[in-house]
Amino acid sequence: MSPRAQAAPRRRRWAGLLLVLFVVVPLVEIYALVQVGQVIGAWWTILLLVLDSAIGAWLVRREGARAWTALRTTTAAGRLPAREIADGALVLIGGLLMLTPGFVSDALGILLILPLTRPLFRGLLTSVVARRLVLLGPGMPFGAGGPAAPGSPRAGNGGHPRNDGRPGPDVVRGDVVDEP
């Protein structure tokens, strides 16, 4: 399949994701705000949003510090900090969701930040990243069509090895004949 043919489904997937992020999510947030406001009143809704943000900021600060300490401890011990990096990313994403006004995004942000629920999302994040790395394959660090790693089969020769097995252009052995 050509790179252009592979890009079309990817563009549609991104277009659908952007539609959800910029149209559906704000509509859900507005609906939730209106429903809460009708039940408890406008001023209580605003106070609840401010309180929710303050609790979220405190929680992000606490869990971010814990994630940073765990990352430093793991790297100092010479181990690969995969879990710690995932936790830090989840706390960061949760913090960004907490900055977004609305109860739905705040609820998801708190779920990403809390140490009790974070392992569920860590597994999801790990599987998404692992799937993405498998799709890219070796020698393709930044996406399909991106630069190949030096010495990889894709480096400058279309993936074909030379006659002696090293990467490089194809070599055809033969005699050169000059014709008059």
N, C-alpha and C. Protein backbone atom coordinates (compact mmCIF):
# COMPACT_ATOMS: atom_id res chain seq x y z
N MET A 1 0.85 -1.17 0.00
CA MET A 1 0.00 0.00 0.00
C MET A 1 0.90 1.24 0.00
N SER A 2 0.57 2.20 -0.81
CA SER A 2 1.39 3.40 -0.91
C SER A 2 1.22 4.28 0.33
N PRO A 3 2.21 5.14 0.61
CA PRO A 3 2.09 6.03 1.77
C PRO A 3 0.88 6.94 1.67
N ARG A 4 0.52 7.35 0.46
CA ARG A 4 -0.64 8.23 0.29
C ARG A 4 -1.93 7.48 0.66
N ALA A 5 -2.02 6.21 0.25
CA ALA A 5 -3.20 5.42 0.57
C ALA A 5 -3.28 5.13 2.07
N GLN A 6 -2.13 5.00 2.73
CA GLN A 6 -2.12 4.77 4.17
C GLN A 6 -2.51 6.03 4.93
N ALA A 7 -2.23 7.19 4.38
CA ALA A 7 -2.49 8.45 5.07
C ALA A 7 -3.97 8.80 5.09
N ALA A 8 -4.75 8.35 4.12
CA ALA A 8 -6.16 8.72 4.04
C ALA A 8 -6.95 8.24 5.27
N PRO A 9 -6.86 6.96 5.67
CA PRO A 9 -7.60 6.55 6.88
C PRO A 9 -7.10 7.26 8.13
N ARG A 10 -5.80 7.55 8.17
CA ARG A 10 -5.24 8.26 9.32
C ARG A 10 -5.81 9.67 9.40
N ARG A 11 -5.94 10.34 8.26
CA ARG A 11 -6.52 11.69 8.25
C ARG A 11 -7.98 11.66 8.70
N ARG A 12 -8.72 10.65 8.24
CA ARG A 12 -10.12 10.54 8.66
C ARG A 12 -10.22 10.29 10.16
N ARG A 13 -9.33 9.47 10.69
CA ARG A 13 -9.34 9.20 12.12
C ARG A 13 -9.07 10.48 12.90
N TRP A 14 -8.06 11.26 12.46
CA TRP A 14 -7.75 12.53 13.13
C TRP A 14 -8.89 13.52 13.00
N ALA A 15 -9.53 13.56 11.82
CA ALA A 15 -10.66 14.47 11.63
C ALA A 15 -11.80 14.11 12.58
N GLY A 16 -12.06 12.82 12.76
CA GLY A 16 -13.10 12.39 13.69
C GLY A 16 -12.75 12.73 15.12
N LEU A 17 -11.49 12.55 15.49
CA LEU A 17 -11.05 12.89 16.84
C LEU A 17 -11.17 14.39 17.09
N LEU A 18 -10.76 15.18 16.12
CA LEU A 18 -10.87 16.64 16.28
C LEU A 18 -12.32 17.09 16.37
N LEU A 19 -13.20 16.44 15.61
CA LEU A 19 -14.63 16.75 15.68
C LEU A 19 -15.15 16.49 17.09
N VAL A 20 -14.77 15.35 17.65
CA VAL A 20 -15.21 15.02 19.00
C VAL A 20 -14.65 16.02 20.00
N LEU A 21 -13.35 16.34 19.88
CA LEU A 21 -12.71 17.24 20.84
C LEU A 21 -13.25 18.66 20.80
N PHE A 22 -13.51 19.18 19.61
CA PHE A 22 -13.88 20.58 19.50
C PHE A 22 -15.37 20.83 19.38
N VAL A 23 -16.18 19.79 19.16
CA VAL A 23 -17.62 19.99 19.04
C VAL A 23 -18.38 19.21 20.11
N VAL A 24 -18.14 17.91 20.18
CA VAL A 24 -18.93 17.06 21.08
C VAL A 24 -18.59 17.33 22.54
N VAL A 25 -17.32 17.38 22.89
CA VAL A 25 -16.92 17.57 24.29
C VAL A 25 -17.43 18.90 24.84
N PRO A 26 -17.27 20.03 24.14
CA PRO A 26 -17.83 21.28 24.68
C PRO A 26 -19.35 21.22 24.84
N LEU A 27 -20.05 20.57 23.92
CA LEU A 27 -21.51 20.45 24.06
C LEU A 27 -21.88 19.63 25.29
N VAL A 28 -21.16 18.55 25.55
CA VAL A 28 -21.41 17.74 26.74
C VAL A 28 -21.11 18.55 28.00
N GLU A 29 -20.02 19.31 27.99
CA GLU A 29 -19.67 20.15 29.15
C GLU A 29 -20.75 21.21 29.41
N ILE A 30 -21.22 21.86 28.36
CA ILE A 30 -22.26 22.88 28.51
C ILE A 30 -23.53 22.24 29.05
N TYR A 31 -23.90 21.09 28.51
CA TYR A 31 -25.10 20.39 28.98
C TYR A 31 -24.98 20.07 30.47
N ALA A 32 -23.82 19.54 30.88
CA ALA A 32 -23.62 19.19 32.29
C ALA A 32 -23.67 20.43 33.17
N LEU A 33 -23.06 21.53 32.73
CA LEU A 33 -23.10 22.77 33.51
C LEU A 33 -24.53 23.28 33.66
N VAL A 34 -25.31 23.24 32.59
CA VAL A 34 -26.69 23.71 32.64
C VAL A 34 -27.51 22.83 33.58
N GLN A 35 -27.32 21.52 33.49
CA GLN A 35 -28.08 20.61 34.35
C GLN A 35 -27.74 20.83 35.83
N VAL A 36 -26.47 20.96 36.14
CA VAL A 36 -26.07 21.20 37.53
C VAL A 36 -26.58 22.57 37.98
N GLY A 37 -26.47 23.56 37.12
CA GLY A 37 -26.95 24.90 37.45
C GLY A 37 -28.44 24.93 37.72
N GLN A 38 -29.23 24.15 37.01
CA GLN A 38 -30.68 24.11 37.25
C GLN A 38 -31.01 23.45 38.58
N VAL A 39 -30.17 22.51 39.01
CA VAL A 39 -30.44 21.80 40.26
C VAL A 39 -29.98 22.60 41.47
N ILE A 40 -28.77 23.16 41.44
CA ILE A 40 -28.24 23.83 42.63
C ILE A 40 -28.16 25.35 42.49
N GLY A 41 -28.37 25.88 41.31
CA GLY A 41 -28.30 27.32 41.11
C GLY A 41 -26.99 27.75 40.48
N ALA A 42 -27.03 28.93 39.86
CA ALA A 42 -25.87 29.41 39.10
C ALA A 42 -24.67 29.71 40.00
N TRP A 43 -24.90 30.42 41.12
CA TRP A 43 -23.77 30.80 41.98
C TRP A 43 -23.13 29.58 42.63
N TRP A 44 -23.94 28.61 43.05
CA TRP A 44 -23.39 27.39 43.64
C TRP A 44 -22.61 26.59 42.59
N THR A 45 -23.08 26.62 41.35
CA THR A 45 -22.37 25.93 40.28
C THR A 45 -21.00 26.56 40.06
N ILE A 46 -20.95 27.89 40.02
CA ILE A 46 -19.68 28.59 39.86
C ILE A 46 -18.75 28.30 41.04
N LEU A 47 -19.30 28.33 42.26
CA LEU A 47 -18.50 28.03 43.44
C LEU A 47 -17.98 26.58 43.39
N LEU A 48 -18.81 25.66 42.94
CA LEU A 48 -18.39 24.27 42.83
C LEU A 48 -17.27 24.10 41.80
N LEU A 49 -17.35 24.84 40.69
CA LEU A 49 -16.28 24.79 39.68
C LEU A 49 -14.96 25.34 40.22
N VAL A 50 -15.04 26.44 40.97
CA VAL A 50 -13.83 27.03 41.56
C VAL A 50 -13.24 26.08 42.61
N LEU A 51 -14.09 25.50 43.44
CA LEU A 51 -13.62 24.56 44.45
C LEU A 51 -13.01 23.32 43.80
N ASP A 52 -13.65 22.85 42.75
CA ASP A 52 -13.16 21.70 42.00
C ASP A 52 -11.78 21.99 41.42
N SER A 53 -11.58 23.18 40.89
CA SER A 53 -10.28 23.56 40.32
C SER A 53 -9.22 23.66 41.41
N ALA A 54 -9.57 24.20 42.56
CA ALA A 54 -8.60 24.32 43.66
C ALA A 54 -8.18 22.94 44.16
N ILE A 55 -9.13 22.05 44.32
CA ILE A 55 -8.79 20.68 44.76
C ILE A 55 -7.94 20.00 43.69
N GLY A 56 -8.28 20.21 42.43
CA GLY A 56 -7.51 19.63 41.33
C GLY A 56 -6.08 20.14 41.31
N ALA A 57 -5.90 21.44 41.54
CA ALA A 57 -4.55 22.02 41.55
C ALA A 57 -3.72 21.42 42.69
N TRP A 58 -4.34 21.29 43.88
CA TRP A 58 -3.63 20.69 45.01
C TRP A 58 -3.26 19.25 44.70
N LEU A 59 -4.19 18.49 44.10
CA LEU A 59 -3.96 17.09 43.79
C LEU A 59 -2.87 16.92 42.73
N VAL A 60 -2.88 17.78 41.71
CA VAL A 60 -1.85 17.73 40.66
C VAL A 60 -0.48 18.02 41.26
N ARG A 61 -0.42 19.00 42.13
CA ARG A 61 0.86 19.34 42.75
C ARG A 61 1.40 18.17 43.58
N ARG A 62 0.53 17.56 44.37
CA ARG A 62 0.94 16.45 45.23
C ARG A 62 1.37 15.23 44.40
N GLU A 63 0.53 14.83 43.45
CA GLU A 63 0.82 13.63 42.66
C GLU A 63 1.95 13.87 41.67
N GLY A 64 2.07 15.10 41.17
CA GLY A 64 3.19 15.43 40.29
C GLY A 64 4.52 15.33 41.03
N ALA A 65 4.54 15.80 42.27
CA ALA A 65 5.76 15.69 43.08
C ALA A 65 6.10 14.23 43.36
N ARG A 66 5.08 13.43 43.62
CA ARG A 66 5.32 11.99 43.85
C ARG A 66 5.85 11.32 42.58
N ALA A 67 5.27 11.65 41.45
CA ALA A 67 5.72 11.05 40.18
C ALA A 67 7.15 11.47 39.88
N TRP A 68 7.49 12.73 40.13
CA TRP A 68 8.84 13.21 39.89
C TRP A 68 9.85 12.51 40.80
N THR A 69 9.49 12.34 42.08
CA THR A 69 10.37 11.65 43.03
C THR A 69 10.57 10.19 42.61
N ALA A 70 9.50 9.53 42.19
CA ALA A 70 9.62 8.14 41.74
C ALA A 70 10.49 8.03 40.49
N LEU A 71 10.36 8.99 39.58
CA LEU A 71 11.18 9.00 38.37
C LEU A 71 12.66 9.16 38.71
N ARG A 72 12.96 10.10 39.60
CA ARG A 72 14.35 10.32 39.99
C ARG A 72 14.93 9.11 40.71
N THR A 73 14.14 8.49 41.57
CA THR A 73 14.60 7.31 42.31
C THR A 73 14.89 6.15 41.36
N THR A 74 13.99 5.93 40.41
CA THR A 74 14.16 4.83 39.47
C THR A 74 15.37 5.03 38.58
N THR A 75 15.54 6.25 38.06
CA THR A 75 16.70 6.50 37.20
C THR A 75 18.01 6.44 38.00
N ALA A 76 17.98 6.88 39.26
CA ALA A 76 19.19 6.81 40.09
C ALA A 76 19.57 5.35 40.36
N ALA A 77 18.56 4.47 40.40
CA ALA A 77 18.83 3.05 40.62
C ALA A 77 19.26 2.35 39.34
N GLY A 78 19.22 3.06 38.21
CA GLY A 78 19.66 2.49 36.95
C GLY A 78 18.61 1.63 36.26
N ARG A 79 17.35 1.77 36.66
CA ARG A 79 16.28 1.00 36.03
C ARG A 79 15.55 1.86 35.00
N LEU A 80 14.90 1.21 34.07
CA LEU A 80 14.12 1.90 33.05
C LEU A 80 12.84 2.45 33.69
N PRO A 81 12.59 3.76 33.61
CA PRO A 81 11.46 4.37 34.31
C PRO A 81 10.16 4.40 33.49
N ALA A 82 9.77 3.29 32.89
CA ALA A 82 8.58 3.28 32.03
C ALA A 82 7.32 3.60 32.81
N ARG A 83 7.12 2.96 33.94
CA ARG A 83 5.93 3.20 34.75
C ARG A 83 5.89 4.64 35.25
N GLU A 84 7.04 5.14 35.68
CA GLU A 84 7.10 6.49 36.23
C GLU A 84 6.83 7.54 35.16
N ILE A 85 7.31 7.30 33.95
CA ILE A 85 7.04 8.23 32.85
C ILE A 85 5.55 8.22 32.51
N ALA A 86 4.95 7.04 32.49
CA ALA A 86 3.51 6.94 32.22
C ALA A 86 2.72 7.66 33.31
N ASP A 87 3.11 7.48 34.57
CA ASP A 87 2.42 8.17 35.66
C ASP A 87 2.55 9.69 35.53
N GLY A 88 3.75 10.16 35.20
CA GLY A 88 3.94 11.59 35.02
C GLY A 88 3.10 12.14 33.88
N ALA A 89 3.02 11.39 32.78
CA ALA A 89 2.20 11.83 31.65
C ALA A 89 0.73 11.87 32.03
N LEU A 90 0.27 10.87 32.78
CA LEU A 90 -1.13 10.85 33.18
C LEU A 90 -1.46 11.99 34.14
N VAL A 91 -0.56 12.30 35.05
CA VAL A 91 -0.78 13.43 35.96
C VAL A 91 -0.81 14.74 35.17
N LEU A 92 0.06 14.86 34.18
CA LEU A 92 0.08 16.06 33.34
C LEU A 92 -1.22 16.20 32.54
N ILE A 93 -1.67 15.12 31.93
CA ILE A 93 -2.92 15.16 31.16
C ILE A 93 -4.09 15.45 32.09
N GLY A 94 -4.09 14.81 33.25
CA GLY A 94 -5.15 15.07 34.23
C GLY A 94 -5.16 16.52 34.68
N GLY A 95 -3.98 17.09 34.88
CA GLY A 95 -3.90 18.50 35.26
C GLY A 95 -4.43 19.43 34.18
N LEU A 96 -4.12 19.10 32.92
CA LEU A 96 -4.66 19.91 31.83
C LEU A 96 -6.18 19.81 31.77
N LEU A 97 -6.72 18.63 32.01
CA LEU A 97 -8.17 18.48 32.03
C LEU A 97 -8.79 19.24 33.19
N MET A 98 -8.08 19.31 34.32
CA MET A 98 -8.59 20.06 35.47
C MET A 98 -8.62 21.56 35.19
N LEU A 99 -7.74 22.04 34.31
CA LEU A 99 -7.74 23.46 33.95
C LEU A 99 -8.92 23.83 33.05
N THR A 100 -9.45 22.84 32.36
CA THR A 100 -10.58 23.07 31.47
C THR A 100 -11.84 23.21 32.30
N PRO A 101 -12.60 24.29 32.14
CA PRO A 101 -13.82 24.44 32.94
C PRO A 101 -14.88 23.42 32.52
N GLY A 102 -15.44 22.77 33.49
CA GLY A 102 -16.49 21.80 33.23
C GLY A 102 -16.36 20.61 34.15
N PHE A 103 -17.51 19.99 34.43
CA PHE A 103 -17.51 18.88 35.38
C PHE A 103 -17.05 17.57 34.75
N VAL A 104 -17.34 17.36 33.48
CA VAL A 104 -16.96 16.11 32.82
C VAL A 104 -15.45 16.02 32.68
N SER A 105 -14.81 17.09 32.20
CA SER A 105 -13.35 17.07 32.06
C SER A 105 -12.68 17.01 33.43
N ASP A 106 -13.25 17.66 34.43
CA ASP A 106 -12.69 17.59 35.78
C ASP A 106 -12.77 16.18 36.34
N ALA A 107 -13.89 15.50 36.10
CA ALA A 107 -14.03 14.13 36.59
C ALA A 107 -13.00 13.20 35.93
N LEU A 108 -12.82 13.34 34.62
CA LEU A 108 -11.82 12.52 33.94
C LEU A 108 -10.42 12.89 34.42
N GLY A 109 -10.14 14.18 34.61
CA GLY A 109 -8.84 14.61 35.11
C GLY A 109 -8.53 14.05 36.48
N ILE A 110 -9.51 14.05 37.36
CA ILE A 110 -9.29 13.50 38.70
C ILE A 110 -9.03 12.00 38.63
N LEU A 111 -9.75 11.30 37.74
CA LEU A 111 -9.51 9.86 37.59
C LEU A 111 -8.09 9.58 37.09
N LEU A 112 -7.56 10.45 36.22
CA LEU A 112 -6.20 10.26 35.73
C LEU A 112 -5.16 10.57 36.81
N ILE A 113 -5.49 11.45 37.73
CA ILE A 113 -4.53 11.90 38.74
C ILE A 113 -4.50 10.99 39.96
N LEU A 114 -5.66 10.50 40.39
CA LEU A 114 -5.72 9.72 41.63
C LEU A 114 -4.89 8.44 41.53
N PRO A 115 -4.11 8.12 42.56
CA PRO A 115 -3.27 6.92 42.52
C PRO A 115 -4.07 5.61 42.47
N LEU A 116 -5.32 5.64 42.93
CA LEU A 116 -6.13 4.42 42.92
C LEU A 116 -6.64 4.07 41.52
N THR A 117 -6.94 5.07 40.72
CA THR A 117 -7.49 4.82 39.38
C THR A 117 -6.46 4.96 38.26
N ARG A 118 -5.32 5.54 38.56
CA ARG A 118 -4.30 5.75 37.54
C ARG A 118 -3.79 4.46 36.90
N PRO A 119 -3.65 3.34 37.63
CA PRO A 119 -3.18 2.12 36.97
C PRO A 119 -4.08 1.65 35.82
N LEU A 120 -5.38 1.89 35.92
CA LEU A 120 -6.27 1.53 34.81
C LEU A 120 -5.90 2.30 33.55
N PHE A 121 -5.67 3.58 33.71
CA PHE A 121 -5.33 4.42 32.57
C PHE A 121 -3.89 4.20 32.12
N ARG A 122 -3.02 3.81 33.06
CA ARG A 122 -1.63 3.51 32.70
C ARG A 122 -1.58 2.35 31.72
N GLY A 123 -2.38 1.33 31.98
CA GLY A 123 -2.44 0.19 31.06
C GLY A 123 -2.95 0.61 29.69
N LEU A 124 -3.95 1.48 29.65
CA LEU A 124 -4.48 1.98 28.38
C LEU A 124 -3.43 2.80 27.64
N LEU A 125 -2.75 3.69 28.36
CA LEU A 125 -1.71 4.51 27.75
C LEU A 125 -0.56 3.64 27.23
N THR A 126 -0.17 2.65 28.00
CA THR A 126 0.91 1.77 27.59
C THR A 126 0.55 1.00 26.33
N SER A 127 -0.69 0.51 26.25
CA SER A 127 -1.09 -0.24 25.06
C SER A 127 -1.17 0.66 23.84
N VAL A 128 -1.62 1.90 24.00
CA VAL A 128 -1.67 2.83 22.86
C VAL A 128 -0.27 3.15 22.37
N VAL A 129 0.64 3.44 23.28
CA VAL A 129 2.01 3.77 22.90
C VAL A 129 2.69 2.55 22.28
N ALA A 130 2.49 1.37 22.85
CA ALA A 130 3.10 0.16 22.31
C ALA A 130 2.58 -0.13 20.91
N ARG A 131 1.27 0.05 20.70
CA ARG A 131 0.69 -0.16 19.37
C ARG A 131 1.27 0.82 18.37
N ARG A 132 1.45 2.04 18.79
CA ARG A 132 2.01 3.07 17.91
C ARG A 132 3.46 2.75 17.56
N LEU A 133 4.23 2.26 18.52
CA LEU A 133 5.62 1.90 18.25
C LEU A 133 5.70 0.70 17.32
N VAL A 134 4.80 -0.25 17.46
CA VAL A 134 4.80 -1.41 16.58
C VAL A 134 4.43 -0.98 15.17
N LEU A 135 3.48 -0.04 15.03
CA LEU A 135 3.10 0.46 13.71
C LEU A 135 4.26 1.17 13.03
N LEU A 136 5.04 1.92 13.81
CA LEU A 136 6.17 2.63 13.23
C LEU A 136 7.26 1.68 12.81
N GLY A 137 7.54 0.70 13.62
CA GLY A 137 8.57 -0.27 13.29
C GLY A 137 9.96 0.27 13.55
N PRO A 138 10.96 -0.60 13.44
CA PRO A 138 12.33 -0.15 13.69
C PRO A 138 12.81 0.78 12.58
N GLY A 139 13.58 1.76 12.96
CA GLY A 139 14.13 2.70 11.98
C GLY A 139 13.15 3.78 11.57
N MET A 140 11.99 3.85 12.19
CA MET A 140 10.99 4.86 11.84
C MET A 140 10.58 5.61 13.10
N PRO A 141 11.45 6.43 13.66
CA PRO A 141 11.18 7.00 14.97
C PRO A 141 10.08 8.05 15.00
N PHE A 142 9.78 8.72 13.90
CA PHE A 142 8.84 9.82 13.97
C PHE A 142 7.67 9.65 13.02
N GLY A 143 7.30 8.45 12.68
CA GLY A 143 6.14 8.23 11.84
C GLY A 143 6.52 7.69 10.48
N ALA A 144 5.51 7.17 9.81
CA ALA A 144 5.75 6.59 8.49
C ALA A 144 6.28 7.66 7.55
N GLY A 145 7.31 7.33 6.85
CA GLY A 145 7.91 8.29 5.94
C GLY A 145 8.93 9.18 6.60
N GLY A 146 9.11 9.02 7.92
CA GLY A 146 10.07 9.83 8.64
C GLY A 146 11.48 9.36 8.39
N PRO A 147 12.44 9.99 9.01
CA PRO A 147 13.83 9.63 8.77
C PRO A 147 14.14 8.24 9.30
N ALA A 148 14.94 7.50 8.57
CA ALA A 148 15.34 6.16 9.00
C ALA A 148 16.60 6.28 9.85
N ALA A 149 16.73 5.34 10.75
CA ALA A 149 17.93 5.30 11.57
C ALA A 149 19.12 4.92 10.70
N PRO A 150 20.29 5.50 10.94
CA PRO A 150 21.46 5.14 10.15
C PRO A 150 21.75 3.65 10.28
N GLY A 151 22.02 3.02 9.15
CA GLY A 151 22.31 1.60 9.15
C GLY A 151 21.09 0.71 9.10
N SER A 152 19.87 1.30 9.15
CA SER A 152 18.68 0.47 9.06
C SER A 152 18.46 0.07 7.61
N PRO A 153 17.66 -0.96 7.37
CA PRO A 153 17.44 -1.39 5.99
C PRO A 153 16.84 -0.31 5.10
N ARG A 154 16.19 0.71 5.69
CA ARG A 154 15.58 1.76 4.89
C ARG A 154 16.54 2.90 4.58
N ALA A 155 17.72 2.89 5.11
CA ALA A 155 18.61 4.04 5.02
C ALA A 155 19.16 4.21 3.61
N GLY A 156 18.47 4.97 2.78
CA GLY A 156 18.99 5.41 1.50
C GLY A 156 18.94 4.43 0.37
N ASN A 157 18.37 3.25 0.53
CA ASN A 157 18.39 2.32 -0.58
C ASN A 157 17.05 1.62 -0.78
N GLY A 158 15.98 2.17 -0.24
CA GLY A 158 14.68 1.58 -0.44
C GLY A 158 14.50 0.25 0.27
N GLY A 159 15.36 -0.07 1.21
CA GLY A 159 15.21 -1.30 1.98
C GLY A 159 15.92 -2.49 1.38
N HIS A 160 16.65 -2.30 0.28
CA HIS A 160 17.33 -3.42 -0.35
C HIS A 160 18.78 -3.47 0.12
N PRO A 161 19.25 -4.65 0.53
CA PRO A 161 20.65 -4.74 0.95
C PRO A 161 21.56 -4.78 -0.27
N ARG A 162 22.80 -4.37 -0.06
CA ARG A 162 23.79 -4.49 -1.13
C ARG A 162 24.16 -5.95 -1.29
N ASN A 163 24.94 -6.24 -2.30
CA ASN A 163 25.36 -7.62 -2.54
C ASN A 163 26.15 -8.20 -1.39
N ASP A 164 26.89 -7.38 -0.67
CA ASP A 164 27.70 -7.89 0.43
C ASP A 164 26.94 -7.87 1.76
N GLY A 165 25.64 -7.56 1.73
CA GLY A 165 24.82 -7.61 2.93
C GLY A 165 24.73 -6.31 3.70
N ARG A 166 25.61 -5.33 3.38
CA ARG A 166 25.55 -4.06 4.07
C ARG A 166 24.49 -3.18 3.42
N PRO A 167 23.89 -2.25 4.19
CA PRO A 167 22.91 -1.36 3.58
C PRO A 167 23.58 -0.43 2.58
N GLY A 168 22.88 -0.09 1.55
CA GLY A 168 23.41 0.81 0.53
C GLY A 168 22.74 0.53 -0.80
N PRO A 169 23.15 1.20 -1.84
CA PRO A 169 22.51 0.99 -3.13
C PRO A 169 22.81 -0.41 -3.68
N ASP A 170 21.92 -0.91 -4.53
CA ASP A 170 22.14 -2.21 -5.15
C ASP A 170 23.38 -2.15 -6.02
N VAL A 171 24.15 -3.21 -6.02
CA VAL A 171 25.35 -3.31 -6.83
C VAL A 171 25.13 -4.42 -7.85
N VAL A 172 25.29 -4.08 -9.10
CA VAL A 172 25.16 -5.07 -10.16
C VAL A 172 26.55 -5.26 -10.75
N ARG A 173 27.06 -6.47 -10.67
CA ARG A 173 28.39 -6.75 -11.19
C ARG A 173 28.28 -7.07 -12.68
N GLY A 174 29.23 -6.55 -13.44
CA GLY A 174 29.23 -6.81 -14.89
C GLY A 174 30.31 -6.02 -15.58
N ASP A 175 30.33 -6.09 -16.90
CA ASP A 175 31.30 -5.38 -17.68
C ASP A 175 30.64 -4.20 -18.39
N VAL A 176 31.39 -3.09 -18.50
CA VAL A 176 30.91 -1.93 -19.21
C VAL A 176 31.39 -2.02 -20.64
N VAL A 177 30.48 -1.88 -21.57
CA VAL A 177 30.82 -1.99 -22.99
C VAL A 177 30.49 -0.66 -23.65
N ASP A 178 31.50 -0.05 -24.26
CA ASP A 178 31.27 1.19 -25.00
C ASP A 178 30.95 0.85 -26.45
N GLU A 179 29.84 1.34 -26.92
CA GLU A 179 29.47 1.10 -28.32
C GLU A 179 29.68 2.39 -29.09
N PRO A 180 30.21 2.25 -30.35
CA PRO A 180 30.46 3.46 -31.14
C PRO A 180 29.22 4.12 -31.67
